[in-house]
Amino acid sequence: MTATTTTTNAAPSNKATDWKVSKAKAYLLHSLMDDDSPFHSMAPEDIYKSWSGFREYPLKNFKTNLNNLKASVVKRKEVIKEDERIFKFEQERFPRKDTTTTGGLYWDKHPANALLREDVKNGTASLLKPMELRTTKSAYQDFTVGTFCGHVHQEKRSQREKPYWVPKRNKDALAKYNKEVQELKSEFDTAHAFREDFDEMNKLFANLNPYKDDDDDDDASPC
């Protein structure tokens, strides 16, 4: 009876998840977007072997997808860098004034924004009328009664409507998916760093060996 062998280029026995929506692609993209990821200095074959999820796809296809993702990441980083440059330029050229055109403070960057979000979330804003809630924190009093009341109603509406627009099941599933991808990357990065540290430690102790002289004389006495 002749034994059969399986090559890395062979198609997987079970139908793999479509690459476009796979965890393998998400994990690879997440790693390539990280400038410090070891993937940047690894050969495609080594990346392929680093996680079983990659091996659900033929090596040839994986290499093609890897190259496509690398090119995509380069373009994406260029776009991000250019957007940041333009945004910074616009901020320097047209800096936002400290107050609005009506002389009021900006709500989005004010501490009252985060405080109100928390008060609505924990139910405090439902126990008090907006005018009463305004008196509980000095940050709230930086805004007029009318302006603050408007933000209270807006924040309540935002938090009330959000569950309807973003189904909890889908939101939780996405959070779980992203968490698993991040854990995969963290696990690999940690293992890779440990191997590098271990190799460096071995080299260090080899160089510090007090029993090894310049002539590598096996019979030489250490005393």
Foldseek 3Di string as FASTA:
>chain_A
DDDDDDDLQDAAPDDADDCVPDLVVVLLLVQLLDPPRPVVVDDLVVVCPLDVNSSNHGSVVSVVSNVVSNVVSVVVVVVVVVVVVVVVVCCVVPPDDQADPVRAGDDVPFPVVVVLLVCLVVVVPVVDQQVVVLVPDVSSVSDDSVVSNVSNVVSNVCVVCVCVVPPPVNVVVVVVSVVVSVVSRVVSRVVVVVVVVVVVVVVVVVVVPQQADPVRDPPDDSD
